[in-house]
Amino acid sequence: MDENQTNIENVTIENDSDKRHHCSVWKCILMGILIFLGAFCAAYVILDWYFKSFLIPNTMLYPDYGMEKFIKHDFDRMEKFARNNNKILQEKSSNIIRIKQDDNEYKIYIDLKAFDNNENNVNIINENNTLTINGKSIKKSKNQEHILRFQQSYMFGDNVDLNNLKKETDGEYLVVSLPINKGNND
């Protein structure tokens, strides 16, 4: 009987090993599938980066390419804004002062609206045949203060007598008259 019992034990041991063998086959299959999927995902990511480098130049060499593009776009917008505001400023400044020449004199018309309609806010300086007009205006409101400063210089020839300039107010304009000497023409 002892022999029969040993055989039965061997059979039962073999049955347990079959179950273990059966489980280890499934483990191997699942491990193989997981390894394949991991390798596929890794290859996909690497190839995706590689082919994107062809579509967007220098992304692998310069990872901040997108930031550079954003900064360049921002600077372009600022330059455009500055150009447009410079044109507007030139148009406004050309309306503040106008010069007319007659046979006997130059007349400079300064718009006092820009300087609070006060001729004391405008200063005229003459040095070495150069006439410099300075203007300043301060406008205050509850939360803001607007300061306008203006300076324009004009150079005249020797035939213009800057020492005999005359200032007079004509409505909203300060008119500066500069006599022209007929004997000294340029």
N, C-alpha and C. Protein backbone atom coordinates (compact mmCIF):
# COMPACT_ATOMS: atom_id res chain seq x y z
N MET A 1 0.77 -1.20 0.00
CA MET A 1 0.00 0.00 0.00
C MET A 1 0.82 1.26 0.00
N ASP A 2 1.96 1.03 0.51
CA ASP A 2 2.82 2.19 0.54
C ASP A 2 3.16 2.64 -0.88
N GLU A 3 3.25 1.70 -1.75
CA GLU A 3 3.56 2.07 -3.12
C GLU A 3 2.41 2.85 -3.73
N ASN A 4 1.21 2.44 -3.48
CA ASN A 4 0.05 3.16 -4.03
C ASN A 4 -0.02 4.58 -3.48
N GLN A 5 0.29 4.70 -2.26
CA GLN A 5 0.22 6.04 -1.69
C GLN A 5 1.29 6.94 -2.30
N THR A 6 2.39 6.44 -2.59
CA THR A 6 3.44 7.24 -3.19
C THR A 6 3.03 7.67 -4.59
N ASN A 7 2.41 6.79 -5.30
CA ASN A 7 1.96 7.14 -6.64
C ASN A 7 0.90 8.23 -6.58
N ILE A 8 0.04 8.12 -5.65
CA ILE A 8 -1.02 9.12 -5.55
C ILE A 8 -0.41 10.47 -5.19
N GLU A 9 0.57 10.41 -4.33
CA GLU A 9 1.21 11.66 -3.97
C GLU A 9 1.93 12.25 -5.16
N ASN A 10 2.55 11.41 -5.95
CA ASN A 10 3.24 11.91 -7.14
C ASN A 10 2.24 12.52 -8.12
N VAL A 11 1.13 11.91 -8.25
CA VAL A 11 0.11 12.42 -9.16
C VAL A 11 -0.38 13.77 -8.68
N THR A 12 -0.61 13.88 -7.42
CA THR A 12 -1.08 15.16 -6.90
C THR A 12 0.00 16.22 -7.04
N ILE A 13 1.22 15.88 -6.88
CA ILE A 13 2.32 16.82 -7.05
C ILE A 13 2.40 17.25 -8.51
N GLU A 14 2.21 16.30 -9.41
CA GLU A 14 2.24 16.65 -10.83
C GLU A 14 1.08 17.56 -11.19
N ASN A 15 -0.05 17.36 -10.59
CA ASN A 15 -1.19 18.25 -10.85
C ASN A 15 -0.89 19.67 -10.38
N ASP A 16 -0.25 19.82 -9.23
CA ASP A 16 0.11 21.15 -8.74
C ASP A 16 1.13 21.81 -9.68
N SER A 17 2.05 21.06 -10.18
CA SER A 17 3.06 21.63 -11.08
C SER A 17 2.43 22.03 -12.40
N ASP A 18 1.39 21.31 -12.86
CA ASP A 18 0.69 21.71 -14.09
C ASP A 18 0.01 23.06 -13.90
N LYS A 19 -0.59 23.25 -12.74
CA LYS A 19 -1.24 24.54 -12.48
C LYS A 19 -0.21 25.65 -12.45
N ARG A 20 0.91 25.37 -11.81
CA ARG A 20 1.98 26.39 -11.77
C ARG A 20 2.52 26.66 -13.16
N HIS A 21 2.69 25.64 -13.91
CA HIS A 21 3.17 25.79 -15.28
C HIS A 21 2.17 26.59 -16.11
N HIS A 22 0.90 26.30 -15.93
CA HIS A 22 -0.16 26.99 -16.65
C HIS A 22 -0.16 28.48 -16.28
N CYS A 23 0.02 28.83 -15.01
CA CYS A 23 0.05 30.23 -14.57
C CYS A 23 1.30 30.92 -15.07
N SER A 24 2.42 30.27 -15.07
CA SER A 24 3.66 30.89 -15.53
C SER A 24 3.63 31.16 -17.02
N VAL A 25 2.90 30.37 -17.81
CA VAL A 25 2.76 30.63 -19.24
C VAL A 25 2.00 31.94 -19.45
N TRP A 26 0.92 32.11 -18.70
CA TRP A 26 0.14 33.36 -18.83
C TRP A 26 0.97 34.56 -18.36
N LYS A 27 1.74 34.37 -17.33
CA LYS A 27 2.60 35.46 -16.86
C LYS A 27 3.60 35.86 -17.93
N CYS A 28 4.16 34.87 -18.56
CA CYS A 28 5.14 35.15 -19.62
C CYS A 28 4.48 35.86 -20.80
N ILE A 29 3.30 35.42 -21.17
CA ILE A 29 2.58 36.06 -22.29
C ILE A 29 2.26 37.51 -21.94
N LEU A 30 1.71 37.73 -20.74
CA LEU A 30 1.38 39.10 -20.33
C LEU A 30 2.63 39.97 -20.21
N MET A 31 3.71 39.41 -19.68
CA MET A 31 4.97 40.17 -19.58
C MET A 31 5.49 40.53 -20.97
N GLY A 32 5.37 39.59 -21.90
CA GLY A 32 5.80 39.87 -23.28
C GLY A 32 4.98 40.98 -23.90
N ILE A 33 3.66 40.94 -23.68
CA ILE A 33 2.79 42.00 -24.23
C ILE A 33 3.14 43.35 -23.61
N LEU A 34 3.35 43.39 -22.29
CA LEU A 34 3.70 44.63 -21.62
C LEU A 34 5.05 45.18 -22.09
N ILE A 35 6.02 44.30 -22.27
CA ILE A 35 7.33 44.74 -22.76
C ILE A 35 7.20 45.28 -24.18
N PHE A 36 6.41 44.60 -25.01
CA PHE A 36 6.20 45.06 -26.38
C PHE A 36 5.53 46.44 -26.38
N LEU A 37 4.48 46.63 -25.57
CA LEU A 37 3.79 47.92 -25.51
C LEU A 37 4.71 49.02 -24.99
N GLY A 38 5.52 48.72 -23.99
CA GLY A 38 6.47 49.71 -23.47
C GLY A 38 7.49 50.12 -24.52
N ALA A 39 8.02 49.12 -25.23
CA ALA A 39 8.99 49.41 -26.28
C ALA A 39 8.34 50.21 -27.41
N PHE A 40 7.10 49.85 -27.76
CA PHE A 40 6.38 50.57 -28.81
C PHE A 40 6.16 52.03 -28.42
N CYS A 41 5.73 52.25 -27.18
CA CYS A 41 5.49 53.62 -26.71
C CYS A 41 6.79 54.43 -26.70
N ALA A 42 7.87 53.83 -26.24
CA ALA A 42 9.16 54.53 -26.21
C ALA A 42 9.61 54.87 -27.63
N ALA A 43 9.49 53.93 -28.55
CA ALA A 43 9.88 54.17 -29.93
C ALA A 43 9.00 55.25 -30.55
N TYR A 44 7.70 55.24 -30.23
CA TYR A 44 6.78 56.24 -30.77
C TYR A 44 7.17 57.64 -30.30
N VAL A 45 7.47 57.79 -29.02
CA VAL A 45 7.83 59.10 -28.49
C VAL A 45 9.12 59.61 -29.12
N ILE A 46 10.12 58.74 -29.23
CA ILE A 46 11.40 59.16 -29.81
C ILE A 46 11.23 59.53 -31.27
N LEU A 47 10.51 58.73 -32.03
CA LEU A 47 10.29 59.04 -33.44
C LEU A 47 9.45 60.29 -33.61
N ASP A 48 8.49 60.50 -32.72
CA ASP A 48 7.67 61.71 -32.79
C ASP A 48 8.53 62.95 -32.59
N TRP A 49 9.42 62.94 -31.59
CA TRP A 49 10.33 64.07 -31.38
C TRP A 49 11.23 64.26 -32.58
N TYR A 50 11.72 63.17 -33.13
CA TYR A 50 12.64 63.24 -34.27
C TYR A 50 11.97 63.88 -35.48
N PHE A 51 10.76 63.43 -35.81
CA PHE A 51 10.09 63.96 -36.99
C PHE A 51 9.56 65.38 -36.77
N LYS A 52 9.25 65.75 -35.53
CA LYS A 52 8.86 67.13 -35.27
C LYS A 52 10.03 68.07 -35.47
N SER A 53 11.25 67.58 -35.26
CA SER A 53 12.41 68.43 -35.49
C SER A 53 12.57 68.77 -36.97
N PHE A 54 12.04 67.94 -37.87
CA PHE A 54 12.05 68.27 -39.28
C PHE A 54 11.02 69.34 -39.61
N LEU A 55 9.89 69.29 -38.94
CA LEU A 55 8.82 70.24 -39.22
C LEU A 55 9.08 71.61 -38.61
N ILE A 56 9.63 71.65 -37.40
CA ILE A 56 9.98 72.90 -36.74
C ILE A 56 11.49 72.91 -36.59
N PRO A 57 12.19 73.76 -37.34
CA PRO A 57 13.65 73.69 -37.34
C PRO A 57 14.25 74.05 -35.99
N ASN A 58 15.32 73.38 -35.66
CA ASN A 58 16.15 73.64 -34.49
C ASN A 58 15.45 73.45 -33.16
N THR A 59 14.38 72.69 -33.08
CA THR A 59 13.73 72.49 -31.79
C THR A 59 14.56 71.58 -30.90
N MET A 60 15.27 70.66 -31.48
CA MET A 60 16.08 69.77 -30.66
C MET A 60 17.33 70.51 -30.18
N LEU A 61 17.88 71.41 -31.00
CA LEU A 61 19.07 72.14 -30.61
C LEU A 61 18.73 73.29 -29.66
N TYR A 62 17.61 73.96 -29.92
CA TYR A 62 17.20 75.11 -29.13
C TYR A 62 15.80 74.86 -28.59
N PRO A 63 15.67 74.34 -27.38
CA PRO A 63 14.34 74.01 -26.88
C PRO A 63 13.48 75.23 -26.60
N ASP A 64 14.06 76.43 -26.49
CA ASP A 64 13.28 77.63 -26.23
C ASP A 64 12.86 78.34 -27.51
N TYR A 65 12.81 77.64 -28.61
CA TYR A 65 12.45 78.24 -29.90
C TYR A 65 11.08 78.89 -29.83
N GLY A 66 10.14 78.27 -29.17
CA GLY A 66 8.81 78.84 -29.05
C GLY A 66 8.84 80.15 -28.29
N MET A 67 9.66 80.24 -27.26
CA MET A 67 9.77 81.47 -26.49
C MET A 67 10.41 82.57 -27.33
N GLU A 68 11.43 82.22 -28.12
CA GLU A 68 12.06 83.20 -29.00
C GLU A 68 11.06 83.74 -30.01
N LYS A 69 10.24 82.87 -30.54
CA LYS A 69 9.22 83.29 -31.49
C LYS A 69 8.22 84.23 -30.83
N PHE A 70 7.83 83.92 -29.61
CA PHE A 70 6.89 84.77 -28.86
C PHE A 70 7.51 86.14 -28.58
N ILE A 71 8.78 86.16 -28.19
CA ILE A 71 9.46 87.43 -27.89
C ILE A 71 9.61 88.26 -29.15
N LYS A 72 9.96 87.63 -30.28
CA LYS A 72 10.09 88.36 -31.53
C LYS A 72 8.75 88.97 -31.93
N HIS A 73 7.68 88.21 -31.78
CA HIS A 73 6.35 88.71 -32.10
C HIS A 73 6.01 89.91 -31.20
N ASP A 74 6.37 89.82 -29.94
CA ASP A 74 6.09 90.91 -29.00
C ASP A 74 6.87 92.17 -29.37
N PHE A 75 8.15 92.03 -29.74
CA PHE A 75 8.95 93.18 -30.15
C PHE A 75 8.41 93.79 -31.44
N ASP A 76 7.97 92.97 -32.38
CA ASP A 76 7.39 93.50 -33.61
C ASP A 76 6.16 94.34 -33.31
N ARG A 77 5.33 93.87 -32.38
CA ARG A 77 4.13 94.63 -32.00
C ARG A 77 4.52 95.95 -31.35
N MET A 78 5.57 95.95 -30.50
CA MET A 78 6.00 97.19 -29.85
C MET A 78 6.56 98.18 -30.87
N GLU A 79 7.33 97.69 -31.86
CA GLU A 79 7.86 98.57 -32.88
C GLU A 79 6.74 99.21 -33.70
N LYS A 80 5.75 98.41 -34.05
CA LYS A 80 4.61 98.93 -34.80
C LYS A 80 3.87 99.98 -33.99
N PHE A 81 3.67 99.72 -32.70
CA PHE A 81 3.01 100.68 -31.82
C PHE A 81 3.82 101.98 -31.75
N ALA A 82 5.14 101.87 -31.62
CA ALA A 82 6.00 103.06 -31.53
C ALA A 82 5.97 103.86 -32.83
N ARG A 83 6.01 103.17 -33.97
CA ARG A 83 5.94 103.88 -35.25
C ARG A 83 4.63 104.64 -35.39
N ASN A 84 3.52 104.00 -35.05
CA ASN A 84 2.22 104.66 -35.16
C ASN A 84 2.12 105.85 -34.22
N ASN A 85 2.58 105.70 -32.99
CA ASN A 85 2.53 106.81 -32.04
C ASN A 85 3.48 107.93 -32.43
N ASN A 86 4.61 107.61 -33.05
CA ASN A 86 5.54 108.63 -33.50
C ASN A 86 4.91 109.48 -34.60
N LYS A 87 4.18 108.85 -35.50
CA LYS A 87 3.49 109.61 -36.56
C LYS A 87 2.44 110.53 -35.95
N ILE A 88 1.68 110.03 -34.98
CA ILE A 88 0.65 110.85 -34.33
C ILE A 88 1.30 112.01 -33.59
N LEU A 89 2.43 111.76 -32.90
CA LEU A 89 3.12 112.81 -32.17
C LEU A 89 3.65 113.87 -33.12
N GLN A 90 4.19 113.46 -34.28
CA GLN A 90 4.68 114.42 -35.25
C GLN A 90 3.55 115.27 -35.80
N GLU A 91 2.39 114.65 -36.05
CA GLU A 91 1.26 115.42 -36.54
C GLU A 91 0.80 116.43 -35.51
N LYS A 92 0.73 116.03 -34.24
CA LYS A 92 0.30 116.95 -33.19
C LYS A 92 1.31 118.07 -33.00
N SER A 93 2.61 117.73 -33.01
CA SER A 93 3.63 118.76 -32.80
C SER A 93 3.69 119.74 -33.97
N SER A 94 3.40 119.28 -35.16
CA SER A 94 3.43 120.20 -36.30
C SER A 94 2.26 121.17 -36.25
N ASN A 95 1.21 120.84 -35.52
CA ASN A 95 0.08 121.75 -35.38
C ASN A 95 0.30 122.78 -34.30
N ILE A 96 1.29 122.61 -33.44
CA ILE A 96 1.54 123.56 -32.36
C ILE A 96 2.24 124.80 -32.89
N ILE A 97 3.21 124.63 -33.76
CA ILE A 97 3.99 125.77 -34.27
C ILE A 97 3.93 125.78 -35.80
N ARG A 98 3.65 126.95 -36.34
CA ARG A 98 3.67 127.15 -37.80
C ARG A 98 4.48 128.40 -38.10
N ILE A 99 5.22 128.35 -39.18
CA ILE A 99 6.06 129.49 -39.58
C ILE A 99 5.60 129.97 -40.95
N LYS A 100 5.49 131.30 -41.08
CA LYS A 100 5.18 131.92 -42.37
C LYS A 100 6.22 132.99 -42.63
N GLN A 101 6.63 133.11 -43.90
CA GLN A 101 7.64 134.10 -44.26
C GLN A 101 7.01 135.12 -45.19
N ASP A 102 7.16 136.39 -44.85
CA ASP A 102 6.78 137.50 -45.72
C ASP A 102 8.07 138.10 -46.29
N ASP A 103 7.93 139.18 -47.03
CA ASP A 103 9.12 139.85 -47.55
C ASP A 103 9.93 140.53 -46.45
N ASN A 104 9.25 141.00 -45.41
CA ASN A 104 9.92 141.78 -44.38
C ASN A 104 10.21 141.00 -43.10
N GLU A 105 9.52 139.91 -42.88
CA GLU A 105 9.69 139.22 -41.60
C GLU A 105 9.23 137.76 -41.66
N TYR A 106 9.70 137.01 -40.66
CA TYR A 106 9.17 135.67 -40.38
C TYR A 106 8.14 135.83 -39.28
N LYS A 107 7.05 135.10 -39.39
CA LYS A 107 6.06 135.07 -38.32
C LYS A 107 5.91 133.63 -37.86
N ILE A 108 6.08 133.45 -36.55
CA ILE A 108 5.95 132.13 -35.95
C ILE A 108 4.67 132.14 -35.12
N TYR A 109 3.75 131.24 -35.46
CA TYR A 109 2.47 131.13 -34.75
C TYR A 109 2.55 129.93 -33.80
N ILE A 110 2.38 130.22 -32.52
CA ILE A 110 2.43 129.16 -31.51
C ILE A 110 1.02 129.01 -30.94
N ASP A 111 0.47 127.80 -31.07
CA ASP A 111 -0.88 127.53 -30.57
C ASP A 111 -0.84 127.41 -29.04
N LEU A 112 -1.52 128.33 -28.37
CA LEU A 112 -1.49 128.36 -26.90
C LEU A 112 -2.45 127.36 -26.26
N LYS A 113 -3.33 126.73 -27.06
CA LYS A 113 -4.25 125.73 -26.49
C LYS A 113 -3.47 124.58 -25.86
N ALA A 114 -2.36 124.24 -26.45
CA ALA A 114 -1.54 123.15 -25.91
C ALA A 114 -0.88 123.52 -24.60
N PHE A 115 -0.78 124.84 -24.32
CA PHE A 115 -0.09 125.32 -23.12
C PHE A 115 -1.04 126.08 -22.20
N ASP A 116 -2.24 125.60 -22.06
CA ASP A 116 -3.27 126.15 -21.15
C ASP A 116 -3.66 127.59 -21.49
N ASN A 117 -3.53 127.99 -22.74
CA ASN A 117 -3.86 129.35 -23.19
C ASN A 117 -3.15 130.42 -22.36
N ASN A 118 -1.95 130.12 -21.96
CA ASN A 118 -1.16 131.05 -21.15
C ASN A 118 0.18 131.24 -21.82
N GLU A 119 0.47 132.48 -22.23
CA GLU A 119 1.73 132.74 -22.93
C GLU A 119 2.92 132.67 -22.00
N ASN A 120 2.70 132.70 -20.69
CA ASN A 120 3.80 132.56 -19.72
C ASN A 120 4.34 131.12 -19.68
N ASN A 121 3.57 130.16 -20.19
CA ASN A 121 4.03 128.77 -20.26
C ASN A 121 4.96 128.53 -21.45
N VAL A 122 5.14 129.57 -22.29
CA VAL A 122 6.01 129.46 -23.46
C VAL A 122 7.23 130.35 -23.24
N ASN A 123 8.41 129.79 -23.43
CA ASN A 123 9.66 130.51 -23.25
C ASN A 123 10.40 130.52 -24.59
N ILE A 124 10.87 131.71 -25.00
CA ILE A 124 11.58 131.83 -26.28
C ILE A 124 12.99 132.31 -25.98
N ILE A 125 13.97 131.53 -26.48
CA ILE A 125 15.39 131.83 -26.25
C ILE A 125 16.08 131.96 -27.60
N ASN A 126 16.91 133.01 -27.75
CA ASN A 126 17.67 133.14 -28.98
C ASN A 126 19.16 133.19 -28.67
N GLU A 127 19.90 132.31 -29.33
CA GLU A 127 21.35 132.23 -29.19
C GLU A 127 21.97 131.86 -30.53
N ASN A 128 22.94 132.63 -30.96
CA ASN A 128 23.73 132.31 -32.16
C ASN A 128 22.86 131.98 -33.37
N ASN A 129 21.97 132.84 -33.74
CA ASN A 129 21.07 132.66 -34.90
C ASN A 129 20.15 131.44 -34.76
N THR A 130 19.98 130.96 -33.54
CA THR A 130 19.08 129.84 -33.29
C THR A 130 17.99 130.30 -32.33
N LEU A 131 16.76 130.10 -32.72
CA LEU A 131 15.61 130.44 -31.89
C LEU A 131 15.04 129.15 -31.33
N THR A 132 14.98 129.05 -30.00
CA THR A 132 14.48 127.85 -29.34
C THR A 132 13.20 128.21 -28.62
N ILE A 133 12.15 127.44 -28.88
CA ILE A 133 10.85 127.66 -28.25
C ILE A 133 10.59 126.50 -27.30
N ASN A 134 10.42 126.80 -26.02
CA ASN A 134 10.11 125.81 -24.99
C ASN A 134 8.71 126.07 -24.48
N GLY A 135 7.96 125.02 -24.28
CA GLY A 135 6.62 125.15 -23.73
C GLY A 135 6.36 124.05 -22.73
N LYS A 136 5.55 124.38 -21.70
CA LYS A 136 5.25 123.39 -20.68
C LYS A 136 3.82 123.60 -20.21
N SER A 137 3.14 122.49 -20.01
CA SER A 137 1.76 122.53 -19.54
C SER A 137 1.54 121.36 -18.59
N ILE A 138 0.85 121.62 -17.48
CA ILE A 138 0.53 120.57 -16.52
C ILE A 138 -0.98 120.58 -16.32
N LYS A 139 -1.60 119.46 -16.57
CA LYS A 139 -3.05 119.31 -16.36
C LYS A 139 -3.25 118.23 -15.32
N LYS A 140 -3.97 118.58 -14.26
CA LYS A 140 -4.20 117.63 -13.17
C LYS A 140 -5.68 117.28 -13.11
N SER A 141 -5.93 116.01 -12.80
CA SER A 141 -7.28 115.54 -12.52
C SER A 141 -7.22 114.77 -11.21
N LYS A 142 -8.29 114.09 -10.85
CA LYS A 142 -8.32 113.40 -9.56
C LYS A 142 -7.17 112.41 -9.39
N ASN A 143 -7.00 111.54 -10.36
CA ASN A 143 -6.02 110.45 -10.22
C ASN A 143 -4.84 110.56 -11.16
N GLN A 144 -4.82 111.59 -12.01
CA GLN A 144 -3.77 111.65 -13.03
C GLN A 144 -3.18 113.04 -13.12
N GLU A 145 -1.99 113.07 -13.68
CA GLU A 145 -1.34 114.34 -13.96
C GLU A 145 -0.70 114.21 -15.35
N HIS A 146 -1.10 115.06 -16.28
CA HIS A 146 -0.56 115.04 -17.63
C HIS A 146 0.40 116.21 -17.77
N ILE A 147 1.63 115.90 -18.15
CA ILE A 147 2.65 116.93 -18.33
C ILE A 147 3.04 116.95 -19.80
N LEU A 148 2.95 118.14 -20.40
CA LEU A 148 3.34 118.31 -21.81
C LEU A 148 4.53 119.25 -21.83
N ARG A 149 5.62 118.78 -22.39
CA ARG A 149 6.81 119.61 -22.58
C ARG A 149 7.13 119.60 -24.05
N PHE A 150 7.46 120.77 -24.54
CA PHE A 150 7.69 120.92 -25.97
C PHE A 150 8.92 121.78 -26.16
N GLN A 151 9.79 121.36 -27.09
CA GLN A 151 10.95 122.17 -27.43
C GLN A 151 11.18 122.04 -28.93
N GLN A 152 11.32 123.18 -29.56
CA GLN A 152 11.59 123.20 -31.00
C GLN A 152 12.62 124.30 -31.26
N SER A 153 13.64 123.97 -32.04
CA SER A 153 14.68 124.95 -32.36
C SER A 153 14.67 125.23 -33.85
N TYR A 154 14.90 126.50 -34.20
CA TYR A 154 14.97 126.93 -35.59
C TYR A 154 16.25 127.72 -35.77
N MET A 155 16.95 127.43 -36.85
CA MET A 155 18.19 128.13 -37.15
C MET A 155 17.93 129.06 -38.33
N PHE A 156 18.30 130.32 -38.16
CA PHE A 156 18.08 131.33 -39.19
C PHE A 156 19.43 131.83 -39.69
N GLY A 157 19.40 132.45 -40.86
CA GLY A 157 20.61 133.02 -41.44
C GLY A 157 20.97 134.35 -40.78
N ASP A 158 22.06 134.94 -41.25
CA ASP A 158 22.53 136.21 -40.67
C ASP A 158 21.60 137.37 -41.01
N ASN A 159 20.76 137.22 -42.01
CA ASN A 159 19.87 138.30 -42.41
C ASN A 159 18.65 138.45 -41.49
N VAL A 160 18.44 137.55 -40.55
CA VAL A 160 17.33 137.62 -39.62
C VAL A 160 17.83 138.19 -38.30
N ASP A 161 17.17 139.24 -37.81
CA ASP A 161 17.57 139.91 -36.58
C ASP A 161 16.78 139.31 -35.41
N LEU A 162 17.40 138.37 -34.71
CA LEU A 162 16.73 137.70 -33.60
C LEU A 162 16.64 138.58 -32.36
N ASN A 163 17.50 139.62 -32.27
CA ASN A 163 17.47 140.49 -31.09
C ASN A 163 16.26 141.42 -31.08
N ASN A 164 15.64 141.64 -32.23
CA ASN A 164 14.48 142.53 -32.32
C ASN A 164 13.18 141.76 -32.51
N LEU A 165 13.08 140.61 -31.91
CA LEU A 165 11.84 139.83 -32.07
C LEU A 165 10.73 140.48 -31.25
N LYS A 166 9.51 140.36 -31.76
CA LYS A 166 8.33 140.92 -31.10
C LYS A 166 7.35 139.80 -30.82
N LYS A 167 6.77 139.83 -29.61
CA LYS A 167 5.77 138.83 -29.23
C LYS A 167 4.45 139.55 -29.02
N GLU A 168 3.40 138.96 -29.53
CA GLU A 168 2.05 139.48 -29.30
C GLU A 168 1.06 138.32 -29.32
N THR A 169 -0.04 138.49 -28.59
CA THR A 169 -1.05 137.46 -28.52
C THR A 169 -2.17 137.83 -29.49
N ASP A 170 -2.53 136.84 -30.31
CA ASP A 170 -3.61 137.04 -31.28
C ASP A 170 -4.61 135.89 -31.09
N GLY A 171 -5.59 136.10 -30.22
CA GLY A 171 -6.58 135.06 -29.93
C GLY A 171 -5.92 133.90 -29.21
N GLU A 172 -5.94 132.73 -29.80
CA GLU A 172 -5.36 131.53 -29.19
C GLU A 172 -3.91 131.31 -29.61
N TYR A 173 -3.32 132.28 -30.30
CA TYR A 173 -1.96 132.13 -30.80
C TYR A 173 -1.04 133.18 -30.22
N LEU A 174 0.18 132.77 -29.96
CA LEU A 174 1.26 133.69 -29.64
C LEU A 174 2.03 133.88 -30.94
N VAL A 175 2.10 135.13 -31.41
CA VAL A 175 2.76 135.41 -32.69
C VAL A 175 4.10 136.05 -32.39
N VAL A 176 5.17 135.44 -32.90
CA VAL A 176 6.52 135.96 -32.75
C VAL A 176 6.96 136.45 -34.12
N SER A 177 7.33 137.74 -34.18
CA SER A 177 7.76 138.34 -35.45
C SER A 177 9.26 138.54 -35.42
N LEU A 178 9.93 138.10 -36.47
CA LEU A 178 11.38 138.23 -36.61
C LEU A 178 11.66 139.04 -37.88
N PRO A 179 12.22 140.24 -37.75
CA PRO A 179 12.45 141.06 -38.94
C PRO A 179 13.60 140.53 -39.79
N ILE A 180 13.44 140.70 -41.10
CA ILE A 180 14.47 140.27 -42.05
C ILE A 180 15.18 141.53 -42.53
N ASN A 181 16.52 141.55 -42.42
CA ASN A 181 17.32 142.68 -42.92
C ASN A 181 17.51 142.47 -44.41
N LYS A 182 17.15 143.46 -45.22
CA LYS A 182 17.24 143.32 -46.68
C LYS A 182 18.68 143.35 -47.17
N GLY A 183 19.57 143.98 -46.46
CA GLY A 183 20.96 144.12 -46.92
C GLY A 183 21.74 142.81 -46.83
N ASN A 184 21.43 141.92 -45.91
CA ASN A 184 22.20 140.69 -45.70
C ASN A 184 21.37 139.48 -46.13
N ASN A 185 21.36 139.15 -47.37
CA ASN A 185 20.66 137.96 -47.86
C ASN A 185 21.61 136.80 -47.94
N ASP A 186 21.11 135.57 -47.64
CA ASP A 186 21.96 134.35 -47.73
C ASP A 186 22.18 133.96 -49.14
